[in-house]
Amino acid sequence: MVRLEGIAAVPVVNVRDFDRAVEFYVETLGFKKEFQFGPYAGVQLGAAMIHLNGGSDEWTACPTSVRVTVRGIDDLYARLNKLALVKADEHLSDTTFGHKQFSVLDPSHNRVTFVQFQS
């Protein structure tokens, strides 16, 4: 019997303005651009990778939501909240499932939720 093991999931996020999206993820959120092929790039924060797809002439996909697990969520929240990027209805909070989280919207209105699990 073949044993199946999941290693990682990489979300592909469609973006309207590719250059603006890459700049937002890198300069604002702190990701590193790992690669780019035309209007398609991979941005990475630690082990978390997101692919940004700006390759369609007409942006037709609905905005999506991505969750990124981090350490240091309080500092990240303080920095992004100071820039007025935190969603008004998703400020940093402790959840009933034992973690802290908050969300921002990228320039294409994709939701990025940062999560830190409590030990």
C-alpha atoms as a PDB file:
ATOM      1  CA  MET A   1       0.000   0.000   0.000  1.00  0.00           C
ATOM      2  CA  VAL A   2       1.281   3.474  -0.896  1.00  0.00           C
ATOM      3  CA  ARG A   3       1.456   5.856   2.031  1.00  0.00           C
ATOM      4  CA  LEU A   4       0.305   9.370   1.220  1.00  0.00           C
ATOM      5  CA  GLU A   5       1.820  12.229   3.195  1.00  0.00           C
ATOM      6  CA  GLY A   6       0.954  15.886   2.764  1.00  0.00           C
ATOM      7  CA  ILE A   7       4.041  18.100   2.847  1.00  0.00           C
ATOM      8  CA  ALA A   8       2.746  21.614   2.200  1.00  0.00           C
ATOM      9  CA  ALA A   9      -0.073  23.551   0.574  1.00  0.00           C
ATOM     10  CA  VAL A  10       0.639  26.626  -1.534  1.00  0.00           C
ATOM     11  CA  PRO A  11      -2.342  28.873  -2.222  1.00  0.00           C
ATOM     12  CA  VAL A  12      -2.479  30.681  -5.563  1.00  0.00           C
ATOM     13  CA  VAL A  13      -4.013  34.121  -5.112  1.00  0.00           C
ATOM     14  CA  ASN A  14      -5.308  35.993  -8.163  1.00  0.00           C
ATOM     15  CA  VAL A  15      -4.423  39.686  -8.131  1.00  0.00           C
ATOM     16  CA  ARG A  16      -5.629  42.596 -10.265  1.00  0.00           C
ATOM     17  CA  ASP A  17      -2.448  44.671 -10.239  1.00  0.00           C
ATOM     18  CA  PHE A  18       0.475  42.267 -10.137  1.00  0.00           C
ATOM     19  CA  ASP A  19       3.253  44.778  -9.397  1.00  0.00           C
ATOM     20  CA  ARG A  20       1.241  46.453  -6.650  1.00  0.00           C
ATOM     21  CA  ALA A  21       0.426  43.068  -5.086  1.00  0.00           C
ATOM     22  CA  VAL A  22       4.069  41.926  -5.061  1.00  0.00           C
ATOM     23  CA  GLU A  23       5.113  45.232  -3.528  1.00  0.00           C
ATOM     24  CA  PHE A  24       2.410  44.910  -0.847  1.00  0.00           C
ATOM     25  CA  TYR A  25       3.360  41.363   0.142  1.00  0.00           C
ATOM     26  CA  VAL A  26       7.096  42.153   0.163  1.00  0.00           C
ATOM     27  CA  GLU A  27       7.377  45.746   1.373  1.00  0.00           C
ATOM     28  CA  THR A  28       4.326  45.908   3.636  1.00  0.00           C
ATOM     29  CA  LEU A  29       3.720  42.381   4.928  1.00  0.00           C
ATOM     30  CA  GLY A  30       7.378  41.331   5.049  1.00  0.00           C
ATOM     31  CA  PHE A  31       7.367  38.393   2.642  1.00  0.00           C
ATOM     32  CA  LYS A  32      10.392  37.725   0.401  1.00  0.00           C
ATOM     33  CA  LYS A  33       9.953  37.323  -3.351  1.00  0.00           C
ATOM     34  CA  GLU A  34      11.347  33.872  -4.118  1.00  0.00           C
ATOM     35  CA  PHE A  35      10.687  33.771  -7.857  1.00  0.00           C
ATOM     36  CA  GLN A  36       8.881  35.505 -10.690  1.00  0.00           C
ATOM     37  CA  PHE A  37       7.914  34.304 -14.165  1.00  0.00           C
ATOM     38  CA  GLY A  38       6.093  37.082 -15.963  1.00  0.00           C
ATOM     39  CA  PRO A  39       3.048  38.102 -13.934  1.00  0.00           C
ATOM     40  CA  TYR A  40       3.341  35.091 -11.594  1.00  0.00           C
ATOM     41  CA  ALA A  41       5.444  35.100  -8.420  1.00  0.00           C
ATOM     42  CA  GLY A  42       6.025  33.206  -5.226  1.00  0.00           C
ATOM     43  CA  VAL A  43       6.354  35.172  -1.995  1.00  0.00           C
ATOM     44  CA  GLN A  44       7.511  33.512   1.200  1.00  0.00           C
ATOM     45  CA  LEU A  45       7.487  34.279   4.916  1.00  0.00           C
ATOM     46  CA  GLY A  46       9.477  31.602   6.710  1.00  0.00           C
ATOM     47  CA  ALA A  47       7.956  28.301   5.609  1.00  0.00           C
ATOM     48  CA  ALA A  48       4.723  29.939   4.400  1.00  0.00           C
ATOM     49  CA  MET A  49       4.528  30.504   0.641  1.00  0.00           C
ATOM     50  CA  ILE A  50       1.848  32.210  -1.432  1.00  0.00           C
ATOM     51  CA  HIS A  51       1.791  32.363  -5.221  1.00  0.00           C
ATOM     52  CA  LEU A  52       0.499  35.598  -6.758  1.00  0.00           C
ATOM     53  CA  ASN A  53      -1.143  35.247 -10.172  1.00  0.00           C
ATOM     54  CA  GLY A  54      -1.618  38.374 -12.231  1.00  0.00           C
ATOM     55  CA  GLY A  55      -1.589  36.578 -15.569  1.00  0.00           C
ATOM     56  CA  SER A  56      -5.148  37.105 -16.685  1.00  0.00           C
ATOM     57  CA  ASP A  57      -6.142  40.147 -18.758  1.00  0.00           C
ATOM     58  CA  GLU A  58      -9.379  40.328 -16.853  1.00  0.00           C
ATOM     59  CA  TRP A  59      -9.420  39.648 -13.136  1.00  0.00           C
ATOM     60  CA  THR A  60     -12.504  37.496 -12.712  1.00  0.00           C
ATOM     61  CA  ALA A  61     -11.808  35.354  -9.658  1.00  0.00           C
ATOM     62  CA  CYS A  62     -13.536  36.184  -6.416  1.00  0.00           C
ATOM     63  CA  PRO A  63     -11.278  37.402  -3.638  1.00  0.00           C
ATOM     64  CA  THR A  64      -9.956  34.563  -1.522  1.00  0.00           C
ATOM     65  CA  SER A  65      -8.707  34.072   2.013  1.00  0.00           C
ATOM     66  CA  VAL A  66      -5.307  32.777   3.132  1.00  0.00           C
ATOM     67  CA  ARG A  67      -4.201  31.953   6.694  1.00  0.00           C
ATOM     68  CA  VAL A  68      -0.529  32.354   7.592  1.00  0.00           C
ATOM     69  CA  THR A  69       0.777  30.930  10.854  1.00  0.00           C
ATOM     70  CA  VAL A  70       3.403  33.201  12.442  1.00  0.00           C
ATOM     71  CA  ARG A  71       5.413  33.845  15.567  1.00  0.00           C
ATOM     72  CA  GLY A  72       5.587  37.438  16.811  1.00  0.00           C
ATOM     73  CA  ILE A  73       1.990  38.287  15.988  1.00  0.00           C
ATOM     74  CA  ASP A  74       1.827  41.163  18.494  1.00  0.00           C
ATOM     75  CA  ASP A  75       4.655  43.064  16.761  1.00  0.00           C
ATOM     76  CA  LEU A  76       3.262  42.351  13.299  1.00  0.00           C
ATOM     77  CA  TYR A  77      -0.189  43.515  14.389  1.00  0.00           C
ATOM     78  CA  ALA A  78       1.191  46.717  15.920  1.00  0.00           C
ATOM     79  CA  ARG A  79       3.076  47.562  12.705  1.00  0.00           C
ATOM     80  CA  LEU A  80       0.182  46.828  10.340  1.00  0.00           C
ATOM     81  CA  ASN A  81      -2.409  48.455  12.596  1.00  0.00           C
ATOM     82  CA  LYS A  82      -0.282  51.623  12.698  1.00  0.00           C
ATOM     83  CA  LEU A  83      -0.456  51.624   8.876  1.00  0.00           C
ATOM     84  CA  ALA A  84      -4.284  51.294   9.118  1.00  0.00           C
ATOM     85  CA  LEU A  85      -4.200  47.985   7.220  1.00  0.00           C
ATOM     86  CA  VAL A  86      -5.973  45.759   9.757  1.00  0.00           C
ATOM     87  CA  LYS A  87      -9.560  44.922   8.823  1.00  0.00           C
ATOM     88  CA  ALA A  88     -11.853  46.953  11.064  1.00  0.00           C
ATOM     89  CA  ASP A  89     -13.836  43.862  12.032  1.00  0.00           C
ATOM     90  CA  GLU A  90     -10.821  41.541  12.452  1.00  0.00           C
ATOM     91  CA  HIS A  91      -8.446  43.188  14.905  1.00  0.00           C
ATOM     92  CA  LEU A  92      -6.082  41.067  16.990  1.00  0.00           C
ATOM     93  CA  SER A  93      -8.099  38.798  19.234  1.00  0.00           C
ATOM     94  CA  ASP A  94      -7.860  35.595  21.218  1.00  0.00           C
ATOM     95  CA  THR A  95     -10.114  32.938  19.751  1.00  0.00           C
ATOM     96  CA  THR A  96     -12.083  30.255  21.549  1.00  0.00           C
ATOM     97  CA  PHE A  97      -9.928  27.646  19.779  1.00  0.00           C
ATOM     98  CA  GLY A  98      -6.745  28.771  21.521  1.00  0.00           C
ATOM     99  CA  HIS A  99      -4.928  31.143  19.214  1.00  0.00           C
ATOM    100  CA  LYS A 100      -4.579  34.831  18.356  1.00  0.00           C
ATOM    101  CA  GLN A 101      -5.384  36.196  14.940  1.00  0.00           C
ATOM    102  CA  PHE A 102      -6.081  39.286  12.850  1.00  0.00           C
ATOM    103  CA  SER A 103      -6.652  39.978   9.156  1.00  0.00           C
ATOM    104  CA  VAL A 104      -5.675  42.462   6.455  1.00  0.00           C
ATOM    105  CA  LEU A 105      -6.838  42.877   2.869  1.00  0.00           C
ATOM    106  CA  ASP A 106      -4.346  42.974   0.025  1.00  0.00           C
ATOM    107  CA  PRO A 107      -4.815  45.501  -2.816  1.00  0.00           C
ATOM    108  CA  SER A 108      -7.106  43.014  -4.647  1.00  0.00           C
ATOM    109  CA  HIS A 109      -9.223  42.491  -1.515  1.00  0.00           C
ATOM    110  CA  ASN A 110      -7.851  39.025  -0.788  1.00  0.00           C
ATOM    111  CA  ARG A 111      -7.971  38.418   2.968  1.00  0.00           C
ATOM    112  CA  VAL A 112      -4.724  37.444   4.687  1.00  0.00           C
ATOM    113  CA  THR A 113      -5.260  36.223   8.237  1.00  0.00           C
ATOM    114  CA  PHE A 114      -2.215  35.969  10.482  1.00  0.00           C
ATOM    115  CA  VAL A 115      -2.501  33.332  13.205  1.00  0.00           C
ATOM    116  CA  GLN A 116      -0.329  32.501  16.198  1.00  0.00           C
ATOM    117  CA  PHE A 117      -1.067  29.341  18.127  1.00  0.00           C
ATOM    118  CA  GLN A 118      -0.750  29.586  21.902  1.00  0.00           C
ATOM    119  CA  SER A 119       1.518  27.019  23.560  1.00  0.00           C
END
